[in-house]
Amino acid sequence: MKWIENGFILGVKNFGDRHIVCSILTQNRGKQKGLIYYGQNRPHKDNLQSGIYGDFEWTGRLETQLGFFKTTLDNSPLSLRVEHHFECSLITIMTTYMDHFLIEGDVVSGSFYKQTHSVICSLHYSTSKRQSFYIFILWELKFLAELGFGLQLDKCGVTNRKEDLYYISPRTGHIVDRETGEPYKDKLFVVPQCIRKNLSEAIKNIEIETPSKSSLKKCYEITTHFLRKIEHSQPLPYIREMLLDPLIGV
């Protein structure tokens, strides 16, 4: 059997001395894997980088078996420019998350797929690390929601009020208003307002809306906490702490 889908690369692993197994994310078939013949040979290997978008033709006898990929990849200026090392590293963290947490064959929501693609593209045009980091944090929230661990940020989880929302419960992920949360403030996260931004709108306004360093630090602490709650047997990518901790002064 055969199918053709567009998607982007999540990761590659060597298979024998010449070939590789490539993991991709598609909109209609979710996460998929396939063998690429002679994938370890240059220049083929240089093009098979995390986040690269393209068309993938899969062939195999059964869907449950490891099939074979033929690829037609888009050129990615982002992967070739040294000055975008930070953004490339963010994309590597994103694809590592998806490769680790997503189950092969499970289809992701259309909105998550499209927004992930938009984030990868927008990182190329970001003019500062802080802007890139902000978009990445909002994507992490979207990813948590896709896994079923979305934070409830639209109304108080106790009173249903929509005004003066100030704290987030580290246990439930529900936002609460200041009055309700004040007696328990030492056990709650303070909510930076920027964390409630819509990801699509933030991408559109990335040049004019960049939160302060202190706000980004609070966002980072919140997403780190909830990602660690679902990391199972494997820790979060080491590159995440190595890259982001110095940026926000952790």
C-alpha atoms as a PDB file:
ATOM      1  CA  MET A   1       0.000   0.000   0.000  1.00  0.00           C
ATOM      2  CA  LYS A   2       1.032   3.635  -0.420  1.00  0.00           C
ATOM      3  CA  TRP A   3       0.151   7.100   0.796  1.00  0.00           C
ATOM      4  CA  ILE A   4       1.506  10.608   0.246  1.00  0.00           C
ATOM      5  CA  GLU A   5       1.299  13.343   2.896  1.00  0.00           C
ATOM      6  CA  ASN A   6       2.987  16.628   3.622  1.00  0.00           C
ATOM      7  CA  GLY A   7       4.466  17.108   7.050  1.00  0.00           C
ATOM      8  CA  PHE A   8       7.614  17.949   8.951  1.00  0.00           C
ATOM      9  CA  ILE A   9      10.429  15.900  10.410  1.00  0.00           C
ATOM     10  CA  LEU A  10      10.393  15.161  14.143  1.00  0.00           C
ATOM     11  CA  GLY A  11      13.603  13.165  14.332  1.00  0.00           C
ATOM     12  CA  VAL A  12      15.886  10.640  12.670  1.00  0.00           C
ATOM     13  CA  LYS A  13      17.811   7.605  13.942  1.00  0.00           C
ATOM     14  CA  ASN A  14      20.520   5.609  12.219  1.00  0.00           C
ATOM     15  CA  PHE A  15      19.499   2.180  10.978  1.00  0.00           C
ATOM     16  CA  GLY A  16      22.496   0.014  10.191  1.00  0.00           C
ATOM     17  CA  ASP A  17      25.467   1.609   8.478  1.00  0.00           C
ATOM     18  CA  ARG A  18      23.680   3.443   5.671  1.00  0.00           C
ATOM     19  CA  HIS A  19      19.990   3.947   6.330  1.00  0.00           C
ATOM     20  CA  ILE A  20      17.892   5.952   8.803  1.00  0.00           C
ATOM     21  CA  VAL A  21      14.462   5.724  10.396  1.00  0.00           C
ATOM     22  CA  CYS A  22      12.648   9.041  10.050  1.00  0.00           C
ATOM     23  CA  SER A  23       9.797  10.163  12.296  1.00  0.00           C
ATOM     24  CA  ILE A  24       7.404  12.773  10.869  1.00  0.00           C
ATOM     25  CA  LEU A  25       4.176  14.561  11.808  1.00  0.00           C
ATOM     26  CA  THR A  26       1.407  14.829   9.223  1.00  0.00           C
ATOM     27  CA  GLN A  27      -1.969  16.527   9.471  1.00  0.00           C
ATOM     28  CA  ASN A  28      -4.073  13.567   8.330  1.00  0.00           C
ATOM     29  CA  ARG A  29      -2.100  10.604   9.669  1.00  0.00           C
ATOM     30  CA  GLY A  30      -0.460  12.029  12.769  1.00  0.00           C
ATOM     31  CA  LYS A  31       2.971  10.776  13.742  1.00  0.00           C
ATOM     32  CA  GLN A  32       4.451   8.246  11.311  1.00  0.00           C
ATOM     33  CA  LYS A  33       7.772   6.482  10.830  1.00  0.00           C
ATOM     34  CA  GLY A  34       9.541   5.154   7.772  1.00  0.00           C
ATOM     35  CA  LEU A  35      12.913   3.899   6.559  1.00  0.00           C
ATOM     36  CA  ILE A  36      14.927   6.104   4.222  1.00  0.00           C
ATOM     37  CA  TYR A  37      17.454   4.182   2.157  1.00  0.00           C
ATOM     38  CA  TYR A  38      20.990   5.593   2.278  1.00  0.00           C
ATOM     39  CA  GLY A  39      19.773   8.385   4.536  1.00  0.00           C
ATOM     40  CA  GLN A  40      23.167   8.558   6.246  1.00  0.00           C
ATOM     41  CA  ASN A  41      24.854   9.614   3.017  1.00  0.00           C
ATOM     42  CA  ARG A  42      25.526  13.274   2.358  1.00  0.00           C
ATOM     43  CA  PRO A  43      23.969  15.518   1.144  1.00  0.00           C
ATOM     44  CA  HIS A  44      20.804  13.567   2.007  1.00  0.00           C
ATOM     45  CA  LYS A  45      21.601  13.469   5.719  1.00  0.00           C
ATOM     46  CA  ASP A  46      22.244  17.224   5.882  1.00  0.00           C
ATOM     47  CA  ASN A  47      18.708  17.901   4.638  1.00  0.00           C
ATOM     48  CA  LEU A  48      16.979  15.597   7.109  1.00  0.00           C
ATOM     49  CA  GLN A  49      16.799  18.035  10.007  1.00  0.00           C
ATOM     50  CA  SER A  50      14.121  18.471  12.646  1.00  0.00           C
ATOM     51  CA  GLY A  51      11.391  20.866  11.568  1.00  0.00           C
ATOM     52  CA  ILE A  52      12.048  20.570   7.832  1.00  0.00           C
ATOM     53  CA  TYR A  53       8.774  20.532   5.904  1.00  0.00           C
ATOM     54  CA  GLY A  54       8.091  18.517   2.762  1.00  0.00           C
ATOM     55  CA  ASP A  55       6.183  15.754   0.988  1.00  0.00           C
ATOM     56  CA  PHE A  56       6.568  12.160   2.145  1.00  0.00           C
ATOM     57  CA  GLU A  57       5.608   9.106   0.119  1.00  0.00           C
ATOM     58  CA  TRP A  58       5.229   5.994   2.293  1.00  0.00           C
ATOM     59  CA  THR A  59       5.080   2.468   0.891  1.00  0.00           C
ATOM     60  CA  GLY A  60       4.766  -0.824   2.730  1.00  0.00           C
ATOM     61  CA  ARG A  61       2.907  -4.114   2.824  1.00  0.00           C
ATOM     62  CA  LEU A  62       0.880  -3.320   5.949  1.00  0.00           C
ATOM     63  CA  GLU A  63       0.192  -0.091   7.848  1.00  0.00           C
ATOM     64  CA  THR A  64       1.389  -1.731  11.055  1.00  0.00           C
ATOM     65  CA  GLN A  65       4.830  -2.436   9.580  1.00  0.00           C
ATOM     66  CA  LEU A  66       7.770  -0.078   9.178  1.00  0.00           C
ATOM     67  CA  GLY A  67       7.493   1.112   5.596  1.00  0.00           C
ATOM     68  CA  PHE A  68       9.763   3.169   3.375  1.00  0.00           C
ATOM     69  CA  PHE A  69       9.841   6.922   2.780  1.00  0.00           C
ATOM     70  CA  LYS A  70      10.634   8.853  -0.363  1.00  0.00           C
ATOM     71  CA  THR A  71      11.000  12.528   0.433  1.00  0.00           C
ATOM     72  CA  THR A  72      10.707  15.843  -1.364  1.00  0.00           C
ATOM     73  CA  LEU A  73      11.839  18.449   1.144  1.00  0.00           C
ATOM     74  CA  ASP A  74      11.386  22.204   1.062  1.00  0.00           C
ATOM     75  CA  ASN A  75      14.462  24.383   1.280  1.00  0.00           C
ATOM     76  CA  SER A  76      14.750  25.871   4.753  1.00  0.00           C
ATOM     77  CA  PRO A  77      16.814  29.067   5.084  1.00  0.00           C
ATOM     78  CA  LEU A  78      16.360  28.800   8.847  1.00  0.00           C
ATOM     79  CA  SER A  79      18.399  25.612   9.040  1.00  0.00           C
ATOM     80  CA  LEU A  80      21.254  27.145   7.053  1.00  0.00           C
ATOM     81  CA  ARG A  81      21.751  30.464   8.840  1.00  0.00           C
ATOM     82  CA  VAL A  82      24.169  30.510  11.740  1.00  0.00           C
ATOM     83  CA  GLU A  83      22.517  33.584  13.273  1.00  0.00           C
ATOM     84  CA  HIS A  84      19.328  31.548  13.784  1.00  0.00           C
ATOM     85  CA  HIS A  85      20.986  28.962  16.015  1.00  0.00           C
ATOM     86  CA  PHE A  86      18.687  29.859  18.929  1.00  0.00           C
ATOM     87  CA  GLU A  87      15.533  29.468  16.828  1.00  0.00           C
ATOM     88  CA  CYS A  88      16.795  26.195  15.342  1.00  0.00           C
ATOM     89  CA  SER A  89      17.343  24.913  18.881  1.00  0.00           C
ATOM     90  CA  LEU A  90      13.775  25.868  19.850  1.00  0.00           C
ATOM     91  CA  ILE A  91      12.491  23.882  16.880  1.00  0.00           C
ATOM     92  CA  THR A  92      14.608  20.922  17.978  1.00  0.00           C
ATOM     93  CA  ILE A  93      12.999  21.071  21.425  1.00  0.00           C
ATOM     94  CA  MET A  94       9.512  21.223  19.871  1.00  0.00           C
ATOM     95  CA  THR A  95      10.097  18.241  17.604  1.00  0.00           C
ATOM     96  CA  THR A  96      11.694  16.282  20.457  1.00  0.00           C
ATOM     97  CA  TYR A  97       8.543  16.844  22.546  1.00  0.00           C
ATOM     98  CA  MET A  98       6.293  15.637  19.750  1.00  0.00           C
ATOM     99  CA  ASP A  99       8.436  12.636  18.919  1.00  0.00           C
ATOM    100  CA  HIS A 100       8.491  11.581  22.570  1.00  0.00           C
ATOM    101  CA  PHE A 101       4.920  12.291  23.702  1.00  0.00           C
ATOM    102  CA  LEU A 102       2.811  11.669  20.592  1.00  0.00           C
ATOM    103  CA  ILE A 103       1.728   8.101  19.851  1.00  0.00           C
ATOM    104  CA  GLU A 104       2.427   6.759  16.385  1.00  0.00           C
ATOM    105  CA  GLY A 105      -0.713   6.826  14.260  1.00  0.00           C
ATOM    106  CA  ASP A 106      -2.697   9.161  16.509  1.00  0.00           C
ATOM    107  CA  VAL A 107      -3.973  12.135  14.514  1.00  0.00           C
ATOM    108  CA  VAL A 108      -3.414  15.569  16.042  1.00  0.00           C
ATOM    109  CA  SER A 109      -6.027  18.316  15.784  1.00  0.00           C
ATOM    110  CA  GLY A 110      -5.969  20.434  12.648  1.00  0.00           C
ATOM    111  CA  SER A 111      -5.492  23.626  14.644  1.00  0.00           C
ATOM    112  CA  PHE A 112      -2.471  22.229  16.502  1.00  0.00           C
ATOM    113  CA  TYR A 113      -0.826  21.053  13.292  1.00  0.00           C
ATOM    114  CA  LYS A 114      -1.368  24.372  11.501  1.00  0.00           C
ATOM    115  CA  GLN A 115      -0.224  26.453  14.465  1.00  0.00           C
ATOM    116  CA  THR A 116       2.868  24.304  14.919  1.00  0.00           C
ATOM    117  CA  HIS A 117       3.723  24.849  11.267  1.00  0.00           C
ATOM    118  CA  SER A 118       3.126  28.594  11.708  1.00  0.00           C
ATOM    119  CA  VAL A 119       5.406  28.712  14.763  1.00  0.00           C
ATOM    120  CA  ILE A 120       8.235  26.959  12.928  1.00  0.00           C
ATOM    121  CA  CYS A 121       7.892  29.407  10.024  1.00  0.00           C
ATOM    122  CA  SER A 122       7.547  32.491  12.256  1.00  0.00           C
ATOM    123  CA  LEU A 123      10.734  31.698  14.176  1.00  0.00           C
ATOM    124  CA  HIS A 124      12.651  32.464  11.007  1.00  0.00           C
ATOM    125  CA  TYR A 125      11.363  36.055  11.024  1.00  0.00           C
ATOM    126  CA  SER A 126      11.719  36.728  14.735  1.00  0.00           C
ATOM    127  CA  THR A 127      14.100  39.596  15.442  1.00  0.00           C
ATOM    128  CA  SER A 128      15.010  38.760  19.036  1.00  0.00           C
ATOM    129  CA  LYS A 129      15.486  35.795  21.328  1.00  0.00           C
ATOM    130  CA  ARG A 130      12.826  37.148  23.665  1.00  0.00           C
ATOM    131  CA  GLN A 131      10.256  37.184  20.864  1.00  0.00           C
ATOM    132  CA  SER A 132      11.174  33.664  19.832  1.00  0.00           C
ATOM    133  CA  PHE A 133      11.002  32.473  23.428  1.00  0.00           C
ATOM    134  CA  TYR A 134       7.538  33.981  23.904  1.00  0.00           C
ATOM    135  CA  ILE A 135       6.141  32.210  20.831  1.00  0.00           C
ATOM    136  CA  PHE A 136       7.744  28.969  22.020  1.00  0.00           C
ATOM    137  CA  ILE A 137       6.130  29.254  25.483  1.00  0.00           C
ATOM    138  CA  LEU A 138       2.675  29.807  23.954  1.00  0.00           C
ATOM    139  CA  TRP A 139       3.277  26.772  21.738  1.00  0.00           C
ATOM    140  CA  GLU A 140       4.116  24.700  24.833  1.00  0.00           C
ATOM    141  CA  LEU A 141       0.695  25.613  26.246  1.00  0.00           C
ATOM    142  CA  LYS A 142      -0.923  24.537  22.990  1.00  0.00           C
ATOM    143  CA  PHE A 143       1.005  21.276  23.120  1.00  0.00           C
ATOM    144  CA  LEU A 144      -0.113  20.605  26.704  1.00  0.00           C
ATOM    145  CA  ALA A 145      -3.713  21.114  25.587  1.00  0.00           C
ATOM    146  CA  GLU A 146      -3.204  18.709  22.681  1.00  0.00           C
ATOM    147  CA  LEU A 147      -2.043  16.053  25.158  1.00  0.00           C
ATOM    148  CA  GLY A 148      -5.141  16.626  27.311  1.00  0.00           C
ATOM    149  CA  PHE A 149      -3.397  18.724  29.978  1.00  0.00           C
ATOM    150  CA  GLY A 150      -4.592  22.145  28.864  1.00  0.00           C
ATOM    151  CA  LEU A 151      -4.682  24.963  31.385  1.00  0.00           C
ATOM    152  CA  GLN A 152      -8.062  26.588  32.045  1.00  0.00           C
ATOM    153  CA  LEU A 153      -7.294  30.275  31.660  1.00  0.00           C
ATOM    154  CA  ASP A 154     -10.634  31.817  30.679  1.00  0.00           C
ATOM    155  CA  LYS A 155     -12.462  31.869  34.019  1.00  0.00           C
ATOM    156  CA  CYS A 156     -11.929  31.150  37.710  1.00  0.00           C
ATOM    157  CA  GLY A 157     -12.087  27.425  38.415  1.00  0.00           C
ATOM    158  CA  VAL A 158     -13.889  28.079  41.730  1.00  0.00           C
ATOM    159  CA  THR A 159     -16.222  31.045  41.211  1.00  0.00           C
ATOM    160  CA  ASN A 160     -16.443  31.138  37.378  1.00  0.00           C
ATOM    161  CA  ARG A 161     -15.533  34.833  37.498  1.00  0.00           C
ATOM    162  CA  LYS A 162     -13.690  36.245  34.494  1.00  0.00           C
ATOM    163  CA  GLU A 163     -12.302  39.342  36.187  1.00  0.00           C
ATOM    164  CA  ASP A 164      -9.133  39.811  38.238  1.00  0.00           C
ATOM    165  CA  LEU A 165      -7.744  36.362  37.344  1.00  0.00           C
ATOM    166  CA  TYR A 166      -4.425  36.207  39.143  1.00  0.00           C
ATOM    167  CA  TYR A 167      -3.278  32.703  40.179  1.00  0.00           C
ATOM    168  CA  ILE A 168      -2.927  29.222  38.637  1.00  0.00           C
ATOM    169  CA  SER A 169      -3.215  26.035  40.652  1.00  0.00           C
ATOM    170  CA  PRO A 170      -0.113  23.825  40.135  1.00  0.00           C
ATOM    171  CA  ARG A 171      -2.293  20.781  40.800  1.00  0.00           C
ATOM    172  CA  THR A 172      -5.260  21.341  38.483  1.00  0.00           C
ATOM    173  CA  GLY A 173      -4.022  23.957  36.016  1.00  0.00           C
ATOM    174  CA  HIS A 174      -7.118  26.092  36.701  1.00  0.00           C
ATOM    175  CA  ILE A 175      -6.869  29.835  36.999  1.00  0.00           C
ATOM    176  CA  VAL A 176      -8.453  31.527  40.046  1.00  0.00           C
ATOM    177  CA  ASP A 177      -9.247  35.132  40.859  1.00  0.00           C
ATOM    178  CA  ARG A 178      -7.138  37.107  43.304  1.00  0.00           C
ATOM    179  CA  GLU A 179      -9.644  37.037  46.172  1.00  0.00           C
ATOM    180  CA  THR A 180     -10.150  33.271  45.982  1.00  0.00           C
ATOM    181  CA  GLY A 181      -6.468  32.480  45.685  1.00  0.00           C
ATOM    182  CA  GLU A 182      -5.081  34.972  48.207  1.00  0.00           C
ATOM    183  CA  PRO A 183      -5.276  32.607  51.239  1.00  0.00           C
ATOM    184  CA  TYR A 184      -3.281  29.998  49.285  1.00  0.00           C
ATOM    185  CA  LYS A 185      -0.959  32.316  47.358  1.00  0.00           C
ATOM    186  CA  ASP A 186       2.200  30.629  48.639  1.00  0.00           C
ATOM    187  CA  LYS A 187       1.125  27.404  46.891  1.00  0.00           C
ATOM    188  CA  LEU A 188      -0.034  28.980  43.607  1.00  0.00           C
ATOM    189  CA  PHE A 189       1.602  30.408  40.489  1.00  0.00           C
ATOM    190  CA  VAL A 190       1.064  34.096  39.778  1.00  0.00           C
ATOM    191  CA  VAL A 191      -0.407  34.455  36.286  1.00  0.00           C
ATOM    192  CA  PRO A 192       1.458  36.691  33.833  1.00  0.00           C
ATOM    193  CA  GLN A 193      -1.156  38.219  31.518  1.00  0.00           C
ATOM    194  CA  CYS A 194       0.904  37.367  28.448  1.00  0.00           C
ATOM    195  CA  ILE A 195       0.325  33.649  29.037  1.00  0.00           C
ATOM    196  CA  ARG A 196      -3.359  34.112  28.196  1.00  0.00           C
ATOM    197  CA  LYS A 197      -2.640  35.374  24.686  1.00  0.00           C
ATOM    198  CA  ASN A 198      -3.919  33.430  21.710  1.00  0.00           C
ATOM    199  CA  LEU A 199      -1.025  31.771  19.881  1.00  0.00           C
ATOM    200  CA  SER A 200      -2.197  32.763  16.400  1.00  0.00           C
ATOM    201  CA  GLU A 201      -2.634  36.408  17.434  1.00  0.00           C
ATOM    202  CA  ALA A 202       0.754  36.432  19.154  1.00  0.00           C
ATOM    203  CA  ILE A 203       2.427  35.234  15.952  1.00  0.00           C
ATOM    204  CA  LYS A 204       0.749  38.025  13.960  1.00  0.00           C
ATOM    205  CA  ASN A 205       1.785  40.689  16.493  1.00  0.00           C
ATOM    206  CA  ILE A 206       5.198  39.314  17.391  1.00  0.00           C
ATOM    207  CA  GLU A 207       6.999  42.503  16.323  1.00  0.00           C
ATOM    208  CA  ILE A 208       5.021  44.760  18.667  1.00  0.00           C
ATOM    209  CA  GLU A 209       4.139  42.559  21.624  1.00  0.00           C
ATOM    210  CA  THR A 210       7.027  41.081  23.569  1.00  0.00           C
ATOM    211  CA  PRO A 211       6.578  40.459  27.313  1.00  0.00           C
ATOM    212  CA  SER A 212       9.090  41.519  29.922  1.00  0.00           C
ATOM    213  CA  LYS A 213      11.820  39.175  31.093  1.00  0.00           C
ATOM    214  CA  SER A 214      10.093  38.690  34.465  1.00  0.00           C
ATOM    215  CA  SER A 215       6.807  37.744  32.770  1.00  0.00           C
ATOM    216  CA  LEU A 216       8.567  35.245  30.529  1.00  0.00           C
ATOM    217  CA  LYS A 217      10.257  33.727  33.567  1.00  0.00           C
ATOM    218  CA  LYS A 218       6.872  33.171  35.213  1.00  0.00           C
ATOM    219  CA  CYS A 219       5.522  31.602  32.002  1.00  0.00           C
ATOM    220  CA  TYR A 220       8.562  29.339  31.802  1.00  0.00           C
ATOM    221  CA  GLU A 221       8.112  28.140  35.379  1.00  0.00           C
ATOM    222  CA  ILE A 222       4.444  27.322  34.721  1.00  0.00           C
ATOM    223  CA  THR A 223       4.987  25.338  31.499  1.00  0.00           C
ATOM    224  CA  THR A 224       8.006  23.556  33.011  1.00  0.00           C
ATOM    225  CA  HIS A 225       5.913  22.442  35.977  1.00  0.00           C
ATOM    226  CA  PHE A 226       3.088  20.986  33.886  1.00  0.00           C
ATOM    227  CA  LEU A 227       5.372  19.383  31.304  1.00  0.00           C
ATOM    228  CA  ARG A 228       7.205  17.595  34.115  1.00  0.00           C
ATOM    229  CA  LYS A 229       3.900  16.208  35.362  1.00  0.00           C
ATOM    230  CA  ILE A 230       3.493  14.275  32.131  1.00  0.00           C
ATOM    231  CA  GLU A 231       7.065  13.423  31.230  1.00  0.00           C
ATOM    232  CA  HIS A 232       6.675   9.785  32.374  1.00  0.00           C
ATOM    233  CA  SER A 233       9.941   7.840  32.342  1.00  0.00           C
ATOM    234  CA  GLN A 234      12.012  10.310  30.303  1.00  0.00           C
ATOM    235  CA  PRO A 235      13.072  13.799  31.393  1.00  0.00           C
ATOM    236  CA  LEU A 236      12.466  16.924  29.348  1.00  0.00           C
ATOM    237  CA  PRO A 237      15.093  17.567  26.672  1.00  0.00           C
ATOM    238  CA  TYR A 238      18.315  18.713  28.330  1.00  0.00           C
ATOM    239  CA  ILE A 239      18.755  21.330  25.622  1.00  0.00           C
ATOM    240  CA  ARG A 240      15.649  23.101  26.981  1.00  0.00           C
ATOM    241  CA  GLU A 241      17.279  23.953  30.293  1.00  0.00           C
ATOM    242  CA  MET A 242      20.687  24.561  28.752  1.00  0.00           C
ATOM    243  CA  LEU A 243      19.268  26.994  26.206  1.00  0.00           C
ATOM    244  CA  LEU A 244      16.485  28.747  28.104  1.00  0.00           C
ATOM    245  CA  ASP A 245      17.643  28.972  31.728  1.00  0.00           C
ATOM    246  CA  PRO A 246      20.416  31.516  30.965  1.00  0.00           C
ATOM    247  CA  LEU A 247      18.024  33.594  28.861  1.00  0.00           C
ATOM    248  CA  ILE A 248      15.660  34.259  31.759  1.00  0.00           C
ATOM    249  CA  GLY A 249      18.212  34.100  34.572  1.00  0.00           C
ATOM    250  CA  VAL A 250      17.105  30.855  36.216  1.00  0.00           C
END
